[in-house]
Amino acid sequence: MIVEMVTFESPKGWDRARVLADAETTIPKWSANPELLRKHFLLGIGETEGTGAGIYIWPSVEAAQRAHDDAWRETIKRRTGDYPTVRYFDLMLLIDNEHDRVTAWDESGTPHERMPA
C-alpha cells in the first residue's frame, strides 16, 4: 500500500472557492478509477497558502503511475501553470480512530488488522 503526495502551486488569484470548483471537475475521473482507494484534496494555509496538494492511497506505485502519466502531468500544467511535484511513501501503518481500526501492511502489501489501544 502506498501514499502518493502531489503538490502544485494554485494559479494566482484563485481563492478557496475557485480551487474547490476546479477540484470538483475531477470527481468523475477519480471516482471511476478502480485502483484508487482514497484521494484527499488539500489547500495550504498559513505559510503554505497557495499550495494545492492531493494525497492518494494506491495499492502500488505502478497504479499511481498509470493514473498520473504524461498526459495527466500536461493537464496539471495547463490548469495551474506548472508541473506538479510527486512523491511516494510506503503506507506501513494506519490508525483510523473514526472507524476504531488500526491496520498495518507488510512488504507485500497484505493488510493486518491490529487491536486499537
N, C-alpha and C. Protein backbone atom coordinates (compact mmCIF):
# COMPACT_ATOMS: atom_id res chain seq x y z
N MET A 1 0.86 -1.16 0.00
CA MET A 1 0.00 0.00 0.00
C MET A 1 0.90 1.23 0.00
N ILE A 2 0.56 2.21 -0.82
CA ILE A 2 1.39 3.41 -0.86
C ILE A 2 0.53 4.68 -0.75
N VAL A 3 1.20 5.74 -0.32
CA VAL A 3 0.62 7.08 -0.33
C VAL A 3 1.40 7.87 -1.37
N GLU A 4 0.68 8.53 -2.23
CA GLU A 4 1.30 9.43 -3.21
C GLU A 4 0.90 10.84 -2.82
N MET A 5 1.88 11.73 -2.70
CA MET A 5 1.61 13.13 -2.41
C MET A 5 1.97 13.96 -3.64
N VAL A 6 0.98 14.66 -4.14
CA VAL A 6 1.16 15.53 -5.31
C VAL A 6 0.97 16.96 -4.84
N THR A 7 1.95 17.82 -5.12
CA THR A 7 1.82 19.23 -4.76
C THR A 7 2.00 20.10 -5.99
N PHE A 8 1.37 21.26 -5.95
CA PHE A 8 1.44 22.21 -7.06
C PHE A 8 1.04 23.58 -6.52
N GLU A 9 1.42 24.60 -7.23
CA GLU A 9 1.03 25.96 -6.86
C GLU A 9 -0.30 26.29 -7.54
N SER A 10 -1.24 26.78 -6.77
CA SER A 10 -2.52 27.20 -7.34
C SER A 10 -2.30 28.43 -8.20
N PRO A 11 -3.08 28.57 -9.26
CA PRO A 11 -2.95 29.77 -10.09
C PRO A 11 -3.16 31.05 -9.28
N LYS A 12 -2.41 32.07 -9.61
CA LYS A 12 -2.52 33.36 -8.92
C LYS A 12 -3.96 33.87 -8.97
N GLY A 13 -4.42 34.37 -7.84
CA GLY A 13 -5.75 34.96 -7.76
C GLY A 13 -6.87 33.96 -7.48
N TRP A 14 -6.55 32.67 -7.43
CA TRP A 14 -7.59 31.69 -7.15
C TRP A 14 -7.82 31.62 -5.64
N ASP A 15 -9.06 31.83 -5.22
CA ASP A 15 -9.40 31.68 -3.81
C ASP A 15 -9.87 30.24 -3.57
N ARG A 16 -10.23 29.93 -2.33
CA ARG A 16 -10.62 28.57 -1.97
C ARG A 16 -11.79 28.09 -2.82
N ALA A 17 -12.78 28.95 -3.02
CA ALA A 17 -13.95 28.56 -3.80
C ALA A 17 -13.58 28.17 -5.23
N ARG A 18 -12.66 28.90 -5.83
CA ARG A 18 -12.22 28.59 -7.21
C ARG A 18 -11.43 27.31 -7.26
N VAL A 19 -10.55 27.09 -6.28
CA VAL A 19 -9.77 25.86 -6.23
C VAL A 19 -10.70 24.67 -6.02
N LEU A 20 -11.68 24.81 -5.13
CA LEU A 20 -12.64 23.73 -4.88
C LEU A 20 -13.46 23.43 -6.13
N ALA A 21 -13.92 24.46 -6.82
CA ALA A 21 -14.70 24.25 -8.04
C ALA A 21 -13.87 23.50 -9.09
N ASP A 22 -12.60 23.85 -9.21
CA ASP A 22 -11.73 23.15 -10.15
C ASP A 22 -11.54 21.69 -9.72
N ALA A 23 -11.33 21.46 -8.44
CA ALA A 23 -11.15 20.09 -7.93
C ALA A 23 -12.40 19.26 -8.19
N GLU A 24 -13.56 19.85 -8.03
CA GLU A 24 -14.81 19.10 -8.23
C GLU A 24 -14.98 18.62 -9.67
N THR A 25 -14.34 19.28 -10.61
CA THR A 25 -14.44 18.82 -12.01
C THR A 25 -13.76 17.48 -12.21
N THR A 26 -12.88 17.09 -11.27
CA THR A 26 -12.16 15.82 -11.40
C THR A 26 -12.87 14.66 -10.71
N ILE A 27 -13.97 14.90 -10.05
CA ILE A 27 -14.67 13.84 -9.32
C ILE A 27 -15.00 12.65 -10.22
N PRO A 28 -15.59 12.85 -11.40
CA PRO A 28 -15.91 11.67 -12.23
C PRO A 28 -14.68 10.83 -12.58
N LYS A 29 -13.57 11.49 -12.91
CA LYS A 29 -12.35 10.76 -13.28
C LYS A 29 -11.86 9.90 -12.13
N TRP A 30 -11.71 10.49 -10.94
CA TRP A 30 -11.15 9.75 -9.81
C TRP A 30 -12.14 8.75 -9.24
N SER A 31 -13.41 9.04 -9.27
CA SER A 31 -14.42 8.09 -8.80
C SER A 31 -14.46 6.84 -9.67
N ALA A 32 -14.13 6.99 -10.94
CA ALA A 32 -14.17 5.87 -11.89
C ALA A 32 -12.90 5.04 -11.90
N ASN A 33 -11.85 5.47 -11.21
CA ASN A 33 -10.59 4.72 -11.23
C ASN A 33 -10.67 3.58 -10.22
N PRO A 34 -10.71 2.33 -10.69
CA PRO A 34 -10.88 1.20 -9.77
C PRO A 34 -9.66 0.93 -8.88
N GLU A 35 -8.50 1.48 -9.23
CA GLU A 35 -7.30 1.25 -8.42
C GLU A 35 -7.15 2.26 -7.28
N LEU A 36 -7.79 3.41 -7.41
CA LEU A 36 -7.68 4.45 -6.39
C LEU A 36 -8.52 4.08 -5.18
N LEU A 37 -7.89 4.01 -4.03
CA LEU A 37 -8.61 3.69 -2.80
C LEU A 37 -9.17 4.94 -2.13
N ARG A 38 -8.40 6.02 -2.16
CA ARG A 38 -8.84 7.25 -1.49
C ARG A 38 -8.04 8.42 -2.04
N LYS A 39 -8.69 9.57 -2.13
CA LYS A 39 -7.98 10.79 -2.51
C LYS A 39 -8.44 11.92 -1.60
N HIS A 40 -7.47 12.67 -1.09
CA HIS A 40 -7.74 13.85 -0.27
C HIS A 40 -7.28 15.07 -1.06
N PHE A 41 -8.13 16.06 -1.16
CA PHE A 41 -7.80 17.33 -1.81
C PHE A 41 -7.41 18.31 -0.70
N LEU A 42 -6.25 18.94 -0.84
CA LEU A 42 -5.74 19.83 0.20
C LEU A 42 -5.42 21.20 -0.37
N LEU A 43 -5.56 22.22 0.46
CA LEU A 43 -5.18 23.58 0.10
C LEU A 43 -4.40 24.17 1.27
N GLY A 44 -3.20 24.65 0.99
CA GLY A 44 -2.33 25.16 2.03
C GLY A 44 -2.93 26.34 2.76
N ILE A 45 -2.58 26.43 4.05
CA ILE A 45 -2.96 27.57 4.89
C ILE A 45 -1.70 28.08 5.57
N GLY A 46 -1.75 29.31 6.05
CA GLY A 46 -0.58 29.87 6.71
C GLY A 46 0.59 29.98 5.74
N GLU A 47 1.74 29.45 6.14
CA GLU A 47 2.94 29.58 5.32
C GLU A 47 2.87 28.80 4.02
N THR A 48 1.95 27.85 3.91
CA THR A 48 1.81 27.09 2.66
C THR A 48 0.63 27.57 1.82
N GLU A 49 0.08 28.73 2.15
CA GLU A 49 -1.04 29.29 1.39
C GLU A 49 -0.68 29.37 -0.09
N GLY A 50 -1.62 28.95 -0.93
CA GLY A 50 -1.38 28.96 -2.37
C GLY A 50 -0.88 27.64 -2.92
N THR A 51 -0.51 26.73 -2.01
CA THR A 51 -0.08 25.41 -2.44
C THR A 51 -1.27 24.46 -2.38
N GLY A 52 -1.49 23.76 -3.47
CA GLY A 52 -2.50 22.72 -3.51
C GLY A 52 -1.82 21.38 -3.39
N ALA A 53 -2.54 20.40 -2.90
CA ALA A 53 -1.97 19.06 -2.78
C ALA A 53 -3.06 18.02 -2.91
N GLY A 54 -2.65 16.86 -3.35
CA GLY A 54 -3.52 15.70 -3.36
C GLY A 54 -2.80 14.58 -2.65
N ILE A 55 -3.50 13.92 -1.76
CA ILE A 55 -2.97 12.74 -1.09
C ILE A 55 -3.79 11.57 -1.63
N TYR A 56 -3.11 10.63 -2.27
CA TYR A 56 -3.75 9.49 -2.89
C TYR A 56 -3.32 8.22 -2.18
N ILE A 57 -4.23 7.30 -1.99
CA ILE A 57 -3.91 5.98 -1.46
C ILE A 57 -4.10 4.98 -2.60
N TRP A 58 -3.02 4.28 -2.93
CA TRP A 58 -3.00 3.32 -4.04
C TRP A 58 -2.48 1.97 -3.55
N PRO A 59 -2.79 0.91 -4.27
CA PRO A 59 -2.21 -0.39 -3.91
C PRO A 59 -0.73 -0.50 -4.26
N SER A 60 -0.25 0.33 -5.21
CA SER A 60 1.15 0.25 -5.64
C SER A 60 1.57 1.54 -6.33
N VAL A 61 2.89 1.73 -6.43
CA VAL A 61 3.43 2.86 -7.18
C VAL A 61 3.01 2.74 -8.64
N GLU A 62 3.00 1.54 -9.16
CA GLU A 62 2.63 1.33 -10.57
C GLU A 62 1.19 1.80 -10.84
N ALA A 63 0.29 1.56 -9.90
CA ALA A 63 -1.09 2.03 -10.06
C ALA A 63 -1.13 3.55 -10.10
N ALA A 64 -0.36 4.19 -9.22
CA ALA A 64 -0.29 5.66 -9.20
C ALA A 64 0.27 6.17 -10.52
N GLN A 65 1.30 5.54 -11.01
CA GLN A 65 1.93 5.99 -12.25
C GLN A 65 1.03 5.79 -13.47
N ARG A 66 0.20 4.75 -13.45
CA ARG A 66 -0.76 4.57 -14.55
C ARG A 66 -1.74 5.74 -14.59
N ALA A 67 -2.18 6.18 -13.43
CA ALA A 67 -3.14 7.29 -13.37
C ALA A 67 -2.48 8.64 -13.61
N HIS A 68 -1.24 8.76 -13.20
CA HIS A 68 -0.52 10.03 -13.30
C HIS A 68 0.57 9.94 -14.36
N ASP A 69 0.11 9.77 -15.58
CA ASP A 69 1.01 9.63 -16.72
C ASP A 69 1.36 11.01 -17.29
N ASP A 70 2.06 11.02 -18.41
CA ASP A 70 2.47 12.30 -19.03
C ASP A 70 1.28 13.16 -19.43
N ALA A 71 0.21 12.54 -19.90
CA ALA A 71 -0.99 13.31 -20.27
C ALA A 71 -1.57 14.02 -19.04
N TRP A 72 -1.61 13.32 -17.91
CA TRP A 72 -2.10 13.93 -16.67
C TRP A 72 -1.21 15.10 -16.27
N ARG A 73 0.12 14.90 -16.34
CA ARG A 73 1.07 15.98 -15.98
C ARG A 73 0.83 17.22 -16.84
N GLU A 74 0.57 17.02 -18.14
CA GLU A 74 0.31 18.15 -19.03
C GLU A 74 -1.00 18.85 -18.66
N THR A 75 -2.00 18.07 -18.25
CA THR A 75 -3.27 18.66 -17.80
C THR A 75 -3.07 19.54 -16.59
N ILE A 76 -2.26 19.06 -15.64
CA ILE A 76 -1.97 19.87 -14.44
C ILE A 76 -1.24 21.14 -14.84
N LYS A 77 -0.30 21.04 -15.75
CA LYS A 77 0.42 22.24 -16.19
C LYS A 77 -0.52 23.24 -16.84
N ARG A 78 -1.45 22.77 -17.66
CA ARG A 78 -2.42 23.68 -18.29
C ARG A 78 -3.32 24.33 -17.25
N ARG A 79 -3.72 23.58 -16.23
CA ARG A 79 -4.63 24.11 -15.22
C ARG A 79 -3.95 25.04 -14.23
N THR A 80 -2.68 24.76 -13.90
CA THR A 80 -2.03 25.52 -12.83
C THR A 80 -0.85 26.37 -13.29
N GLY A 81 -0.33 26.10 -14.48
CA GLY A 81 0.81 26.87 -14.97
C GLY A 81 2.15 26.18 -14.79
N ASP A 82 2.19 25.06 -14.09
CA ASP A 82 3.46 24.36 -13.87
C ASP A 82 3.19 22.88 -13.62
N TYR A 83 4.25 22.09 -13.70
CA TYR A 83 4.13 20.66 -13.44
C TYR A 83 4.04 20.41 -11.93
N PRO A 84 3.35 19.36 -11.53
CA PRO A 84 3.27 19.03 -10.10
C PRO A 84 4.55 18.34 -9.62
N THR A 85 4.73 18.32 -8.32
CA THR A 85 5.76 17.52 -7.67
C THR A 85 5.08 16.28 -7.12
N VAL A 86 5.65 15.11 -7.40
CA VAL A 86 5.06 13.84 -6.97
C VAL A 86 6.04 13.10 -6.08
N ARG A 87 5.55 12.62 -4.94
CA ARG A 87 6.37 11.84 -4.00
C ARG A 87 5.58 10.60 -3.59
N TYR A 88 6.29 9.50 -3.35
CA TYR A 88 5.67 8.24 -2.94
C TYR A 88 6.17 7.84 -1.56
N PHE A 89 5.27 7.24 -0.79
CA PHE A 89 5.58 6.78 0.56
C PHE A 89 4.97 5.41 0.77
N ASP A 90 5.66 4.57 1.50
CA ASP A 90 5.15 3.26 1.90
C ASP A 90 4.16 3.48 3.05
N LEU A 91 2.91 3.09 2.84
CA LEU A 91 1.91 3.19 3.91
C LEU A 91 2.03 1.93 4.76
N MET A 92 2.72 2.04 5.88
CA MET A 92 3.02 0.89 6.74
C MET A 92 1.95 0.67 7.80
N LEU A 93 1.41 1.76 8.34
CA LEU A 93 0.51 1.67 9.48
C LEU A 93 -0.52 2.79 9.39
N LEU A 94 -1.76 2.46 9.65
CA LEU A 94 -2.84 3.44 9.64
C LEU A 94 -3.64 3.32 10.93
N ILE A 95 -3.75 4.39 11.65
CA ILE A 95 -4.62 4.45 12.82
C ILE A 95 -5.86 5.21 12.39
N ASP A 96 -7.00 4.53 12.37
CA ASP A 96 -8.26 5.11 11.90
C ASP A 96 -9.20 5.21 13.10
N ASN A 97 -9.11 6.31 13.82
CA ASN A 97 -9.95 6.50 15.01
C ASN A 97 -11.42 6.62 14.65
N GLU A 98 -11.71 7.13 13.46
CA GLU A 98 -13.10 7.29 13.03
C GLU A 98 -13.82 5.94 12.98
N HIS A 99 -13.10 4.89 12.59
CA HIS A 99 -13.68 3.55 12.49
C HIS A 99 -13.13 2.59 13.55
N ASP A 100 -12.40 3.12 14.54
CA ASP A 100 -11.82 2.32 15.61
C ASP A 100 -11.06 1.12 15.06
N ARG A 101 -10.12 1.43 14.14
CA ARG A 101 -9.38 0.37 13.46
C ARG A 101 -7.92 0.78 13.30
N VAL A 102 -7.04 -0.18 13.42
CA VAL A 102 -5.61 0.01 13.17
C VAL A 102 -5.21 -1.07 12.17
N THR A 103 -4.56 -0.64 11.08
CA THR A 103 -4.13 -1.58 10.05
C THR A 103 -2.66 -1.38 9.76
N ALA A 104 -1.93 -2.50 9.68
CA ALA A 104 -0.53 -2.48 9.25
C ALA A 104 -0.45 -3.28 7.95
N TRP A 105 0.44 -2.87 7.05
CA TRP A 105 0.66 -3.60 5.80
C TRP A 105 2.07 -4.15 5.81
N ASP A 106 2.21 -5.42 5.41
CA ASP A 106 3.55 -5.97 5.29
C ASP A 106 4.15 -5.55 3.96
N GLU A 107 5.38 -5.96 3.70
CA GLU A 107 6.08 -5.52 2.49
C GLU A 107 5.42 -5.97 1.21
N SER A 108 4.63 -7.03 1.27
CA SER A 108 3.93 -7.49 0.07
C SER A 108 2.63 -6.73 -0.16
N GLY A 109 2.24 -5.87 0.80
CA GLY A 109 1.00 -5.11 0.68
C GLY A 109 -0.20 -5.77 1.33
N THR A 110 0.02 -6.87 2.04
CA THR A 110 -1.07 -7.55 2.72
C THR A 110 -1.42 -6.82 4.01
N PRO A 111 -2.71 -6.49 4.20
CA PRO A 111 -3.09 -5.79 5.42
C PRO A 111 -3.23 -6.75 6.60
N HIS A 112 -2.93 -6.23 7.78
CA HIS A 112 -3.07 -6.97 9.03
C HIS A 112 -3.73 -6.05 10.03
N GLU A 113 -4.90 -6.44 10.50
CA GLU A 113 -5.61 -5.63 11.49
C GLU A 113 -4.93 -5.77 12.84
N ARG A 114 -4.81 -4.66 13.54
CA ARG A 114 -4.26 -4.61 14.88
C ARG A 114 -5.37 -4.16 15.82
N MET A 115 -5.21 -4.45 17.06
CA MET A 115 -6.19 -4.01 18.06
C MET A 115 -5.86 -2.58 18.48
N PRO A 116 -6.86 -1.69 18.44
CA PRO A 116 -6.61 -0.33 18.94
C PRO A 116 -6.26 -0.37 20.43
N ALA A 117 -5.51 0.60 20.86
CA ALA A 117 -5.10 0.65 22.28
C ALA A 117 -6.28 0.88 23.18
